[in-house]
Amino acid sequence: MTGKCAVCDREGEVFVASSTCGGMSCAYCAECLASGAEPWEDLVFYVSLAGHYPEQINEMYREIVRNTCRRLHKTEEEFAQDVEKAIKEW
């Protein structure tokens, strides 16, 4: 199917798959699906419900964050800042 990847926003062939961030499905391009990356905002929200990043987050989800950061050319520090912002706002 064609559409927009929920992770990288690239238009093209996408695959709908279950997210590791709970009971939802997202459209992923082949590269994002293979890398284990998740949509940034979804991952920030999901992790912020569990606690502060990285100290209160288990290793499995830290690896998902690392995969997402690599795929989006972002840093774990950026992710941690967004999580802190989300915790304060929500």
Protein backbone atom coordinates (compact mmCIF):
# COMPACT_ATOMS: atom_id res chain seq x y z
CA MET A 1 0.00 0.00 0.00
CA THR A 2 1.20 3.55 -0.50
CA GLY A 3 1.08 6.24 2.15
CA LYS A 4 3.23 8.18 4.59
CA CYS A 5 5.51 6.53 7.13
CA ALA A 6 4.46 7.49 10.68
CA VAL A 7 8.12 7.51 11.75
CA CYS A 8 10.05 9.35 9.03
CA ASP A 9 7.16 10.98 7.10
CA ARG A 10 8.45 9.57 3.81
CA GLU A 11 5.80 9.00 1.15
CA GLY A 12 5.82 5.65 -0.62
CA GLU A 13 5.23 2.01 0.13
CA VAL A 14 4.22 1.45 3.76
CA PHE A 15 3.30 -1.55 5.87
CA VAL A 16 0.77 -1.40 8.69
CA ALA A 17 2.08 -3.12 11.80
CA SER A 18 1.51 -3.18 15.54
CA SER A 19 3.44 -0.60 17.50
CA THR A 20 5.62 -1.57 20.43
CA CYS A 21 4.04 1.43 22.21
CA GLY A 22 0.78 -0.21 23.11
CA GLY A 23 -2.43 -1.22 21.40
CA MET A 24 -2.19 0.63 18.11
CA SER A 25 -0.99 0.11 14.58
CA CYS A 26 1.08 2.48 12.49
CA ALA A 27 2.20 2.75 8.88
CA TYR A 28 5.94 2.10 8.56
CA CYS A 29 8.22 2.29 5.53
CA ALA A 30 10.40 -0.80 5.09
CA GLU A 31 13.46 0.90 6.60
CA CYS A 32 11.71 2.14 9.74
CA LEU A 33 9.95 -1.18 10.26
CA ALA A 34 13.23 -3.10 9.90
CA SER A 35 15.07 -0.72 12.24
CA GLY A 36 12.55 -1.06 15.06
CA ALA A 37 11.87 2.70 15.11
CA GLU A 38 8.60 4.16 16.38
CA PRO A 39 6.82 7.48 15.74
CA TRP A 40 8.58 10.09 17.90
CA GLU A 41 5.51 11.62 19.54
CA ASP A 42 3.99 8.22 20.32
CA LEU A 43 7.22 7.00 21.88
CA VAL A 44 7.64 10.20 23.93
CA PHE A 45 4.08 9.88 25.24
CA TYR A 46 4.43 6.17 26.00
CA VAL A 47 7.74 6.54 27.84
CA SER A 48 6.58 9.64 29.74
CA LEU A 49 3.78 7.58 31.28
CA ALA A 50 6.36 5.15 32.66
CA GLY A 51 8.81 7.67 34.06
CA HIS A 52 11.94 9.67 33.42
CA TYR A 53 14.27 8.68 30.59
CA PRO A 54 16.57 6.81 30.84
CA GLU A 55 16.82 6.06 34.54
CA GLN A 56 13.26 4.74 35.03
CA ILE A 57 12.89 2.96 31.69
CA ASN A 58 13.78 -0.67 31.11
CA GLU A 59 16.45 -1.72 28.64
CA MET A 60 14.00 -3.03 26.04
CA TYR A 61 12.41 0.40 25.64
CA ARG A 62 15.76 2.18 25.81
CA GLU A 63 16.76 0.15 22.76
CA ILE A 64 13.57 1.20 20.95
CA VAL A 65 14.43 4.82 21.77
CA ARG A 66 17.98 4.34 20.45
CA ASN A 67 16.65 2.77 17.24
CA THR A 68 14.24 5.65 16.76
CA CYS A 69 16.91 8.27 17.45
CA ARG A 70 19.28 6.69 14.94
CA ARG A 71 16.59 6.49 12.28
CA LEU A 72 15.53 10.12 12.79
CA HIS A 73 19.05 11.51 13.33
CA LYS A 74 18.14 12.72 16.80
CA THR A 75 19.86 12.23 20.14
CA GLU A 76 18.81 10.50 23.32
CA GLU A 77 19.26 13.88 25.03
CA GLU A 78 16.60 15.35 22.73
CA PHE A 79 14.35 12.44 23.56
CA ALA A 80 14.91 12.85 27.31
CA GLN A 81 14.09 16.57 27.05
CA ASP A 82 10.85 15.83 25.20
CA VAL A 83 9.92 13.22 27.83
CA GLU A 84 10.54 15.72 30.65
CA LYS A 85 8.43 18.29 28.83
CA ALA A 86 5.64 15.75 28.39
CA ILE A 87 5.74 14.77 32.06
CA LYS A 88 5.37 18.42 33.09
CA GLU A 89 2.59 19.13 30.58
CA TRP A 90 0.54 15.99 31.19
